PDB file of all heavy atoms in Angstrom:
ATOM      1  N   SER A   1      14.475 -51.185  -8.818  1.00  0.00           N
ATOM      2  CA  SER A   1      14.266 -50.130  -9.864  1.00  0.00           C
ATOM      3  C   SER A   1      13.435 -48.930  -9.348  1.00  0.00           C
ATOM      4  O   SER A   1      13.708 -47.829  -9.673  1.00  0.00           O
ATOM      5  CB  SER A   1      13.540 -50.711 -11.131  1.00  0.00           C
ATOM      6  OG  SER A   1      12.360 -51.174 -10.848  1.00  0.00           O
ATOM      7  N   GLU A   2      12.430 -49.192  -8.501  1.00  0.00           N
ATOM      8  CA  GLU A   2      11.665 -48.173  -7.953  1.00  0.00           C
ATOM      9  C   GLU A   2      12.504 -47.295  -6.989  1.00  0.00           C
ATOM     10  O   GLU A   2      12.404 -46.046  -6.984  1.00  0.00           O
ATOM     11  CB  GLU A   2      10.437 -48.674  -7.188  1.00  0.00           C
ATOM     12  CG  GLU A   2       9.402 -49.267  -8.084  1.00  0.00           C
ATOM     13  CD  GLU A   2       8.810 -48.252  -9.042  1.00  0.00           C
ATOM     14  OE1 GLU A   2       8.479 -47.100  -8.602  1.00  0.00           O
ATOM     15  OE2 GLU A   2       8.629 -48.570 -10.250  1.00  0.00           O
ATOM     16  N   GLU A   3      13.350 -47.948  -6.171  1.00  0.00           N
ATOM     17  CA  GLU A   3      14.216 -47.166  -5.288  1.00  0.00           C
ATOM     18  C   GLU A   3      15.219 -46.305  -6.026  1.00  0.00           C
ATOM     19  O   GLU A   3      15.500 -45.211  -5.673  1.00  0.00           O
ATOM     20  CB  GLU A   3      14.928 -48.148  -4.324  1.00  0.00           C
ATOM     21  CG  GLU A   3      13.970 -48.782  -3.341  1.00  0.00           C
ATOM     22  CD  GLU A   3      14.588 -49.906  -2.603  1.00  0.00           C
ATOM     23  OE1 GLU A   3      15.532 -50.567  -3.082  1.00  0.00           O
ATOM     24  OE2 GLU A   3      14.121 -50.195  -1.471  1.00  0.00           O
ATOM     25  N   ARG A   4      15.778 -46.913  -7.135  1.00  0.00           N
ATOM     26  CA  ARG A   4      16.730 -46.125  -7.929  1.00  0.00           C
ATOM     27  C   ARG A   4      15.989 -44.931  -8.580  1.00  0.00           C
ATOM     28  O   ARG A   4      16.590 -43.855  -8.595  1.00  0.00           O
ATOM     29  CB  ARG A   4      17.295 -47.046  -9.033  1.00  0.00           C
ATOM     30  CG  ARG A   4      18.325 -48.056  -8.544  1.00  0.00           C
ATOM     31  CD  ARG A   4      19.060 -48.745  -9.635  1.00  0.00           C
ATOM     32  NE  ARG A   4      18.235 -49.363 -10.658  1.00  0.00           N
ATOM     33  CZ  ARG A   4      17.763 -50.574 -10.677  1.00  0.00           C
ATOM     34  NH1 ARG A   4      18.122 -51.418  -9.703  1.00  0.00           N
ATOM     35  NH2 ARG A   4      17.015 -51.062 -11.673  1.00  0.00           N
ATOM     36  N   LYS A   5      14.811 -45.142  -9.106  1.00  0.00           N
ATOM     37  CA  LYS A   5      14.099 -44.024  -9.716  1.00  0.00           C
ATOM     38  C   LYS A   5      13.795 -42.945  -8.702  1.00  0.00           C
ATOM     39  O   LYS A   5      13.930 -41.734  -8.985  1.00  0.00           O
ATOM     40  CB  LYS A   5      12.796 -44.545 -10.302  1.00  0.00           C
ATOM     41  CG  LYS A   5      12.033 -43.524 -11.047  1.00  0.00           C
ATOM     42  CD  LYS A   5      10.720 -44.087 -11.742  1.00  0.00           C
ATOM     43  CE  LYS A   5       9.970 -43.022 -12.432  1.00  0.00           C
ATOM     44  NZ  LYS A   5       8.725 -43.549 -12.969  1.00  0.00           N
ATOM     45  N   ALA A   6      13.375 -43.294  -7.560  1.00  0.00           N
ATOM     46  CA  ALA A   6      13.072 -42.344  -6.446  1.00  0.00           C
ATOM     47  C   ALA A   6      14.357 -41.567  -6.100  1.00  0.00           C
ATOM     48  O   ALA A   6      14.359 -40.376  -5.876  1.00  0.00           O
ATOM     49  CB  ALA A   6      12.561 -43.006  -5.163  1.00  0.00           C
ATOM     50  N   CYS A   7      15.512 -42.259  -6.060  1.00  0.00           N
ATOM     51  CA  CYS A   7      16.810 -41.647  -5.700  1.00  0.00           C
ATOM     52  C   CYS A   7      17.160 -40.620  -6.788  1.00  0.00           C
ATOM     53  O   CYS A   7      17.503 -39.471  -6.550  1.00  0.00           O
ATOM     54  CB  CYS A   7      17.918 -42.690  -5.614  1.00  0.00           C
ATOM     55  SG  CYS A   7      19.549 -42.012  -5.431  1.00  0.00           S
ATOM     56  N   TRP A   8      17.095 -41.035  -8.087  1.00  0.00           N
ATOM     57  CA  TRP A   8      17.475 -40.113  -9.149  1.00  0.00           C
ATOM     58  C   TRP A   8      16.558 -39.002  -9.231  1.00  0.00           C
ATOM     59  O   TRP A   8      17.000 -37.804  -9.484  1.00  0.00           O
ATOM     60  CB  TRP A   8      17.464 -40.885 -10.476  1.00  0.00           C
ATOM     61  CG  TRP A   8      18.469 -41.965 -10.558  1.00  0.00           C
ATOM     62  CD1 TRP A   8      19.625 -42.025  -9.935  1.00  0.00           C
ATOM     63  CD2 TRP A   8      18.348 -43.147 -11.338  1.00  0.00           C
ATOM     64  NE1 TRP A   8      20.321 -43.188 -10.281  1.00  0.00           N
ATOM     65  CE2 TRP A   8      19.588 -43.923 -11.085  1.00  0.00           C
ATOM     66  CE3 TRP A   8      17.388 -43.761 -12.146  1.00  0.00           C
ATOM     67  CZ2 TRP A   8      19.775 -45.214 -11.671  1.00  0.00           C
ATOM     68  CZ3 TRP A   8      17.584 -44.937 -12.689  1.00  0.00           C
ATOM     69  CH2 TRP A   8      18.834 -45.688 -12.470  1.00  0.00           C
ATOM     70  N   GLU A   9      15.252 -39.114  -8.985  1.00  0.00           N
ATOM     71  CA  GLU A   9      14.331 -37.967  -8.918  1.00  0.00           C
ATOM     72  C   GLU A   9      14.653 -37.011  -7.818  1.00  0.00           C
ATOM     73  O   GLU A   9      14.654 -35.809  -7.997  1.00  0.00           O
ATOM     74  CB  GLU A   9      12.915 -38.447  -8.808  1.00  0.00           C
ATOM     75  CG  GLU A   9      12.384 -39.082 -10.076  1.00  0.00           C
ATOM     76  CD  GLU A   9      11.028 -39.694  -9.966  1.00  0.00           C
ATOM     77  OE1 GLU A   9      10.392 -39.665  -8.842  1.00  0.00           O
ATOM     78  OE2 GLU A   9      10.488 -40.230 -10.972  1.00  0.00           O
ATOM     79  N   ALA A  10      15.039 -37.561  -6.631  1.00  0.00           N
ATOM     80  CA  ALA A  10      15.395 -36.703  -5.498  1.00  0.00           C
ATOM     81  C   ALA A  10      16.687 -35.945  -5.825  1.00  0.00           C
ATOM     82  O   ALA A  10      16.838 -34.730  -5.525  1.00  0.00           O
ATOM     83  CB  ALA A  10      15.609 -37.577  -4.219  1.00  0.00           C
ATOM     84  N   ARG A  11      17.637 -36.609  -6.438  1.00  0.00           N
ATOM     85  CA  ARG A  11      18.871 -35.952  -6.871  1.00  0.00           C
ATOM     86  C   ARG A  11      18.610 -34.833  -7.838  1.00  0.00           C
ATOM     87  O   ARG A  11      19.124 -33.729  -7.738  1.00  0.00           O
ATOM     88  CB  ARG A  11      19.806 -36.974  -7.504  1.00  0.00           C
ATOM     89  CG  ARG A  11      21.067 -36.373  -8.097  1.00  0.00           C
ATOM     90  CD  ARG A  11      21.689 -37.231  -9.190  1.00  0.00           C
ATOM     91  NE  ARG A  11      20.750 -37.381 -10.289  1.00  0.00           N
ATOM     92  CZ  ARG A  11      20.946 -38.245 -11.286  1.00  0.00           C
ATOM     93  NH1 ARG A  11      21.923 -39.040 -11.309  1.00  0.00           N
ATOM     94  NH2 ARG A  11      20.030 -38.325 -12.242  1.00  0.00           N
ATOM     95  N   ASP A  12      17.783 -35.143  -8.861  1.00  0.00           N
ATOM     96  CA  ASP A  12      17.470 -34.141  -9.914  1.00  0.00           C
ATOM     97  C   ASP A  12      16.750 -32.905  -9.265  1.00  0.00           C
ATOM     98  O   ASP A  12      17.106 -31.782  -9.701  1.00  0.00           O
ATOM     99  CB  ASP A  12      16.608 -34.669 -10.996  1.00  0.00           C
ATOM    100  CG  ASP A  12      17.362 -35.751 -11.806  1.00  0.00           C
ATOM    101  OD1 ASP A  12      18.630 -35.827 -11.706  1.00  0.00           O
ATOM    102  OD2 ASP A  12      16.689 -36.549 -12.540  1.00  0.00           O
ATOM    103  N   LEU A  13      15.860 -33.127  -8.359  1.00  0.00           N
ATOM    104  CA  LEU A  13      15.205 -31.985  -7.726  1.00  0.00           C
ATOM    105  C   LEU A  13      16.158 -31.173  -6.856  1.00  0.00           C
ATOM    106  O   LEU A  13      16.092 -29.938  -6.905  1.00  0.00           O
ATOM    107  CB  LEU A  13      14.044 -32.486  -6.820  1.00  0.00           C
ATOM    108  CG  LEU A  13      12.799 -33.023  -7.547  1.00  0.00           C
ATOM    109  CD1 LEU A  13      11.871 -33.732  -6.518  1.00  0.00           C
ATOM    110  CD2 LEU A  13      12.098 -31.964  -8.304  1.00  0.00           C
ATOM    111  N   LEU A  14      17.052 -31.827  -6.175  1.00  0.00           N
ATOM    112  CA  LEU A  14      18.067 -31.127  -5.369  1.00  0.00           C
ATOM    113  C   LEU A  14      18.963 -30.338  -6.351  1.00  0.00           C
ATOM    114  O   LEU A  14      19.232 -29.118  -6.066  1.00  0.00           O
ATOM    115  CB  LEU A  14      18.948 -32.105  -4.582  1.00  0.00           C
ATOM    116  CG  LEU A  14      20.177 -31.436  -3.851  1.00  0.00           C
ATOM    117  CD1 LEU A  14      19.718 -30.456  -2.870  1.00  0.00           C
ATOM    118  CD2 LEU A  14      21.038 -32.537  -3.247  1.00  0.00           C
ATOM    119  N   TRP A  15      19.490 -30.898  -7.409  1.00  0.00           N
ATOM    120  CA  TRP A  15      20.333 -30.219  -8.298  1.00  0.00           C
ATOM    121  C   TRP A  15      19.641 -29.026  -8.932  1.00  0.00           C
ATOM    122  O   TRP A  15      20.229 -27.890  -9.203  1.00  0.00           O
ATOM    123  CB  TRP A  15      20.947 -31.164  -9.351  1.00  0.00           C
ATOM    124  CG  TRP A  15      21.976 -32.101  -8.838  1.00  0.00           C
ATOM    125  CD1 TRP A  15      22.334 -32.317  -7.533  1.00  0.00           C
ATOM    126  CD2 TRP A  15      22.842 -32.963  -9.620  1.00  0.00           C
ATOM    127  NE1 TRP A  15      23.300 -33.260  -7.395  1.00  0.00           N
ATOM    128  CE2 TRP A  15      23.634 -33.605  -8.705  1.00  0.00           C
ATOM    129  CE3 TRP A  15      22.937 -33.204 -10.942  1.00  0.00           C
ATOM    130  CZ2 TRP A  15      24.654 -34.538  -9.134  1.00  0.00           C
ATOM    131  CZ3 TRP A  15      23.909 -34.082 -11.340  1.00  0.00           C
ATOM    132  CH2 TRP A  15      24.756 -34.766 -10.451  1.00  0.00           C
ATOM    133  N   LYS A  16      18.393 -29.131  -9.253  1.00  0.00           N
ATOM    134  CA  LYS A  16      17.641 -28.033  -9.930  1.00  0.00           C
ATOM    135  C   LYS A  16      17.489 -26.903  -8.880  1.00  0.00           C
ATOM    136  O   LYS A  16      17.749 -25.739  -9.206  1.00  0.00           O
ATOM    137  CB  LYS A  16      16.232 -28.456 -10.363  1.00  0.00           C
ATOM    138  CG  LYS A  16      15.477 -27.389 -10.962  1.00  0.00           C
ATOM    139  CD  LYS A  16      14.185 -27.832 -11.537  1.00  0.00           C
ATOM    140  CE  LYS A  16      13.303 -26.739 -12.202  1.00  0.00           C
ATOM    141  NZ  LYS A  16      13.712 -25.336 -11.988  1.00  0.00           N
ATOM    142  N   CYS A  17      17.190 -27.276  -7.651  1.00  0.00           N
ATOM    143  CA  CYS A  17      17.106 -26.240  -6.594  1.00  0.00           C
ATOM    144  C   CYS A  17      18.429 -25.539  -6.413  1.00  0.00           C
ATOM    145  O   CYS A  17      18.473 -24.333  -6.294  1.00  0.00           O
ATOM    146  CB  CYS A  17      16.649 -26.921  -5.251  1.00  0.00           C
ATOM    147  SG  CYS A  17      16.532 -25.744  -3.921  1.00  0.00           S
ATOM    148  N   MET A  18      19.550 -26.282  -6.394  1.00  0.00           N
ATOM    149  CA  MET A  18      20.820 -25.697  -6.147  1.00  0.00           C
ATOM    150  C   MET A  18      21.177 -24.829  -7.352  1.00  0.00           C
ATOM    151  O   MET A  18      21.801 -23.751  -7.193  1.00  0.00           O
ATOM    152  CB  MET A  18      21.857 -26.742  -5.932  1.00  0.00           C
ATOM    153  CG  MET A  18      21.678 -27.409  -4.565  1.00  0.00           C
ATOM    154  SD  MET A  18      22.869 -28.616  -4.127  1.00  0.00           S
ATOM    155  CE  MET A  18      24.270 -27.789  -3.979  1.00  0.00           C
ATOM    156  N   ASP A  19      20.805 -25.179  -8.577  1.00  0.00           N
ATOM    157  CA  ASP A  19      21.082 -24.370  -9.761  1.00  0.00           C
ATOM    158  C   ASP A  19      20.263 -23.065  -9.684  1.00  0.00           C
ATOM    159  O   ASP A  19      20.760 -22.001  -9.963  1.00  0.00           O
ATOM    160  CB  ASP A  19      20.694 -25.085 -11.031  1.00  0.00           C
ATOM    161  CG  ASP A  19      21.665 -26.160 -11.454  1.00  0.00           C
ATOM    162  OD1 ASP A  19      22.792 -26.168 -10.973  1.00  0.00           O
ATOM    163  OD2 ASP A  19      21.236 -26.992 -12.211  1.00  0.00           O
ATOM    164  N   ASP A  20      19.016 -23.183  -9.169  1.00  0.00           N
ATOM    165  CA  ASP A  20      18.167 -22.002  -9.042  1.00  0.00           C
ATOM    166  C   ASP A  20      18.573 -21.077  -7.930  1.00  0.00           C
ATOM    167  O   ASP A  20      18.239 -19.878  -7.945  1.00  0.00           O
ATOM    168  CB  ASP A  20      16.747 -22.452  -8.836  1.00  0.00           C
ATOM    169  CG  ASP A  20      16.092 -23.135 -10.051  1.00  0.00           C
ATOM    170  OD1 ASP A  20      16.688 -23.024 -11.105  1.00  0.00           O
ATOM    171  OD2 ASP A  20      15.036 -23.807  -9.838  1.00  0.00           O
ATOM    172  N   HIS A  21      19.314 -21.519  -6.932  1.00  0.00           N
ATOM    173  CA  HIS A  21      19.694 -20.820  -5.780  1.00  0.00           C
ATOM    174  C   HIS A  21      21.247 -20.609  -5.658  1.00  0.00           C
ATOM    175  O   HIS A  21      21.765 -20.512  -4.582  1.00  0.00           O
ATOM    176  CB  HIS A  21      19.189 -21.422  -4.498  1.00  0.00           C
ATOM    177  CG  HIS A  21      17.656 -21.329  -4.390  1.00  0.00           C
ATOM    178  ND1 HIS A  21      16.877 -22.308  -4.806  1.00  0.00           N
ATOM    179  CD2 HIS A  21      16.874 -20.335  -3.934  1.00  0.00           C
ATOM    180  CE1 HIS A  21      15.612 -22.024  -4.563  1.00  0.00           C
ATOM    181  NE2 HIS A  21      15.564 -20.792  -4.098  1.00  0.00           N
ATOM    182  N   SER A  22      21.890 -20.602  -6.761  1.00  0.00           N
ATOM    183  CA  SER A  22      23.339 -20.409  -6.785  1.00  0.00           C
ATOM    184  C   SER A  22      24.150 -21.309  -5.876  1.00  0.00           C
ATOM    185  O   SER A  22      25.035 -20.901  -5.167  1.00  0.00           O
ATOM    186  CB  SER A  22      23.705 -18.898  -6.535  1.00  0.00           C
ATOM    187  OG  SER A  22      23.047 -18.118  -7.408  1.00  0.00           O
ATOM    188  N   ASP A  23      23.804 -22.636  -5.860  1.00  0.00           N
ATOM    189  CA  ASP A  23      24.462 -23.571  -5.087  1.00  0.00           C
ATOM    190  C   ASP A  23      24.396 -23.396  -3.545  1.00  0.00           C
ATOM    191  O   ASP A  23      25.208 -23.820  -2.763  1.00  0.00           O
ATOM    192  CB  ASP A  23      25.882 -23.825  -5.480  1.00  0.00           C
ATOM    193  CG  ASP A  23      26.017 -24.563  -6.817  1.00  0.00           C
ATOM    194  OD1 ASP A  23      25.079 -25.247  -7.111  1.00  0.00           O
ATOM    195  OD2 ASP A  23      27.036 -24.294  -7.481  1.00  0.00           O
ATOM    196  N   ASN A  24      23.346 -22.667  -3.130  1.00  0.00           N
ATOM    197  CA  ASN A  24      23.159 -22.347  -1.676  1.00  0.00           C
ATOM    198  C   ASN A  24      22.428 -23.575  -1.028  1.00  0.00           C
ATOM    199  O   ASN A  24      21.145 -23.690  -1.222  1.00  0.00           O
ATOM    200  CB  ASN A  24      22.372 -21.078  -1.459  1.00  0.00           C
ATOM    201  CG  ASN A  24      22.250 -20.732   0.005  1.00  0.00           C
ATOM    202  OD1 ASN A  24      22.517 -21.472   0.878  1.00  0.00           O
ATOM    203  ND2 ASN A  24      21.698 -19.535   0.269  1.00  0.00           N
ATOM    204  N   VAL A  25      23.121 -24.407  -0.399  1.00  0.00           N
ATOM    205  CA  VAL A  25      22.498 -25.650   0.180  1.00  0.00           C
ATOM    206  C   VAL A  25      21.462 -25.337   1.225  1.00  0.00           C
ATOM    207  O   VAL A  25      20.471 -26.054   1.299  1.00  0.00           O
ATOM    208  CB  VAL A  25      23.636 -26.595   0.787  1.00  0.00           C
ATOM    209  CG1 VAL A  25      23.042 -27.805   1.394  1.00  0.00           C
ATOM    210  CG2 VAL A  25      24.637 -26.921  -0.287  1.00  0.00           C
ATOM    211  N   ALA A  26      21.611 -24.266   1.959  1.00  0.00           N
ATOM    212  CA  ALA A  26      20.674 -23.929   2.976  1.00  0.00           C
ATOM    213  C   ALA A  26      19.250 -23.646   2.418  1.00  0.00           C
ATOM    214  O   ALA A  26      18.251 -23.975   3.060  1.00  0.00           O
ATOM    215  CB  ALA A  26      21.144 -22.716   3.775  1.00  0.00           C
ATOM    216  N   SER A  27      19.227 -23.101   1.210  1.00  0.00           N
ATOM    217  CA  SER A  27      17.944 -22.841   0.498  1.00  0.00           C
ATOM    218  C   SER A  27      17.224 -24.144   0.089  1.00  0.00           C
ATOM    219  O   SER A  27      16.080 -24.090  -0.249  1.00  0.00           O
ATOM    220  CB  SER A  27      18.112 -21.941  -0.677  1.00  0.00           C
ATOM    221  OG  SER A  27      18.681 -20.694  -0.239  1.00  0.00           O
ATOM    222  N   CYS A  28      18.032 -25.227   0.003  1.00  0.00           N
ATOM    223  CA  CYS A  28      17.497 -26.452  -0.551  1.00  0.00           C
ATOM    224  C   CYS A  28      17.561 -27.611   0.457  1.00  0.00           C
ATOM    225  O   CYS A  28      17.599 -28.781   0.050  1.00  0.00           O
ATOM    226  CB  CYS A  28      18.348 -26.875  -1.732  1.00  0.00           C
ATOM    227  SG  CYS A  28      18.365 -25.562  -3.027  1.00  0.00           S
ATOM    228  N   GLN A  29      17.439 -27.213   1.719  1.00  0.00           N
ATOM    229  CA  GLN A  29      17.608 -28.235   2.798  1.00  0.00           C
ATOM    230  C   GLN A  29      16.619 -29.426   2.728  1.00  0.00           C
ATOM    231  O   GLN A  29      16.958 -30.514   2.901  1.00  0.00           O
ATOM    232  CB  GLN A  29      17.524 -27.541   4.141  1.00  0.00           C
ATOM    233  CG  GLN A  29      18.008 -28.466   5.285  1.00  0.00           C
ATOM    234  CD  GLN A  29      19.340 -29.089   5.094  1.00  0.00           C
ATOM    235  OE1 GLN A  29      20.296 -28.362   4.777  1.00  0.00           O
ATOM    236  NE2 GLN A  29      19.540 -30.352   5.196  1.00  0.00           N
ATOM    237  N   ARG A  30      15.340 -29.061   2.320  1.00  0.00           N
ATOM    238  CA  ARG A  30      14.317 -30.095   2.303  1.00  0.00           C
ATOM    239  C   ARG A  30      14.637 -31.078   1.183  1.00  0.00           C
ATOM    240  O   ARG A  30      14.432 -32.243   1.307  1.00  0.00           O
ATOM    241  CB  ARG A  30      12.918 -29.582   2.199  1.00  0.00           C
ATOM    242  CG  ARG A  30      12.531 -28.920   0.917  1.00  0.00           C
ATOM    243  CD  ARG A  30      11.090 -28.437   1.001  1.00  0.00           C
ATOM    244  NE  ARG A  30      10.844 -27.787  -0.340  1.00  0.00           N
ATOM    245  CZ  ARG A  30       9.861 -28.264  -1.096  1.00  0.00           C
ATOM    246  NH1 ARG A  30       9.059 -29.218  -0.785  1.00  0.00           N
ATOM    247  NH2 ARG A  30       9.663 -27.634  -2.292  1.00  0.00           N
ATOM    248  N   PHE A  31      15.172 -30.562   0.018  1.00  0.00           N
ATOM    249  CA  PHE A  31      15.534 -31.440  -1.089  1.00  0.00           C
ATOM    250  C   PHE A  31      16.766 -32.227  -0.686  1.00  0.00           C
ATOM    251  O   PHE A  31      16.906 -33.450  -1.112  1.00  0.00           O
ATOM    252  CB  PHE A  31      15.814 -30.613  -2.348  1.00  0.00           C
ATOM    253  CG  PHE A  31      14.604 -29.943  -2.850  1.00  0.00           C
ATOM    254  CD1 PHE A  31      14.506 -28.597  -2.772  1.00  0.00           C
ATOM    255  CD2 PHE A  31      13.623 -30.639  -3.487  1.00  0.00           C
ATOM    256  CE1 PHE A  31      13.306 -27.918  -3.314  1.00  0.00           C
ATOM    257  CE2 PHE A  31      12.513 -30.036  -3.999  1.00  0.00           C
ATOM    258  CZ  PHE A  31      12.336 -28.679  -3.900  1.00  0.00           C
ATOM    259  N   GLN A  32      17.707 -31.643   0.055  1.00  0.00           N
ATOM    260  CA  GLN A  32      18.972 -32.320   0.489  1.00  0.00           C
ATOM    261  C   GLN A  32      18.548 -33.560   1.403  1.00  0.00           C
ATOM    262  O   GLN A  32      19.045 -34.626   1.246  1.00  0.00           O
ATOM    263  CB  GLN A  32      19.862 -31.418   1.215  1.00  0.00           C
ATOM    264  CG  GLN A  32      21.155 -32.029   1.741  1.00  0.00           C
ATOM    265  CD  GLN A  32      22.157 -32.423   0.655  1.00  0.00           C
ATOM    266  OE1 GLN A  32      22.231 -31.690  -0.343  1.00  0.00           O
ATOM    267  NE2 GLN A  32      22.818 -33.508   0.808  1.00  0.00           N
ATOM    268  N   SER A  33      17.583 -33.243   2.288  1.00  0.00           N
ATOM    269  CA  SER A  33      17.134 -34.349   3.239  1.00  0.00           C
ATOM    270  C   SER A  33      16.488 -35.487   2.423  1.00  0.00           C
ATOM    271  O   SER A  33      16.712 -36.615   2.763  1.00  0.00           O
ATOM    272  CB  SER A  33      16.169 -33.724   4.257  1.00  0.00           C
ATOM    273  OG  SER A  33      16.799 -32.790   5.075  1.00  0.00           O
ATOM    274  N   ALA A  34      15.625 -35.108   1.532  1.00  0.00           N
ATOM    275  CA  ALA A  34      14.900 -36.158   0.747  1.00  0.00           C
ATOM    276  C   ALA A  34      15.942 -36.953  -0.058  1.00  0.00           C
ATOM    277  O   ALA A  34      15.823 -38.151  -0.193  1.00  0.00           O
ATOM    278  CB  ALA A  34      13.891 -35.487  -0.265  1.00  0.00           C
ATOM    279  N   PHE A  35      16.961 -36.288  -0.649  1.00  0.00           N
ATOM    280  CA  PHE A  35      17.992 -36.938  -1.411  1.00  0.00           C
ATOM    281  C   PHE A  35      18.692 -37.963  -0.543  1.00  0.00           C
ATOM    282  O   PHE A  35      18.912 -39.123  -0.890  1.00  0.00           O
ATOM    283  CB  PHE A  35      18.934 -35.907  -1.944  1.00  0.00           C
ATOM    284  CG  PHE A  35      20.161 -36.384  -2.603  1.00  0.00           C
ATOM    285  CD1 PHE A  35      20.110 -37.278  -3.649  1.00  0.00           C
ATOM    286  CD2 PHE A  35      21.456 -35.945  -2.199  1.00  0.00           C
ATOM    287  CE1 PHE A  35      21.280 -37.752  -4.343  1.00  0.00           C
ATOM    288  CE2 PHE A  35      22.582 -36.385  -2.824  1.00  0.00           C
ATOM    289  CZ  PHE A  35      22.505 -37.282  -3.864  1.00  0.00           C
ATOM    290  N   GLU A  36      19.047 -37.505   0.698  1.00  0.00           N
ATOM    291  CA  GLU A  36      19.823 -38.390   1.625  1.00  0.00           C
ATOM    292  C   GLU A  36      18.984 -39.545   2.134  1.00  0.00           C
ATOM    293  O   GLU A  36      19.457 -40.630   2.384  1.00  0.00           O
ATOM    294  CB  GLU A  36      20.407 -37.549   2.829  1.00  0.00           C
ATOM    295  CG  GLU A  36      21.535 -36.661   2.314  1.00  0.00           C
ATOM    296  CD  GLU A  36      21.964 -35.714   3.436  1.00  0.00           C
ATOM    297  OE1 GLU A  36      21.449 -35.726   4.551  1.00  0.00           O
ATOM    298  OE2 GLU A  36      22.909 -34.919   3.119  1.00  0.00           O
TER     299      GLU A  36
END
């Protein structure tokens, strides 16, 4: 459950960053790395 929660939080942070930066993955690379 802790690993799932960490994964979902990383996903949510990445998606928020991508929403804020018009889906520009380069602007959200640190969130992408954390998600992966």
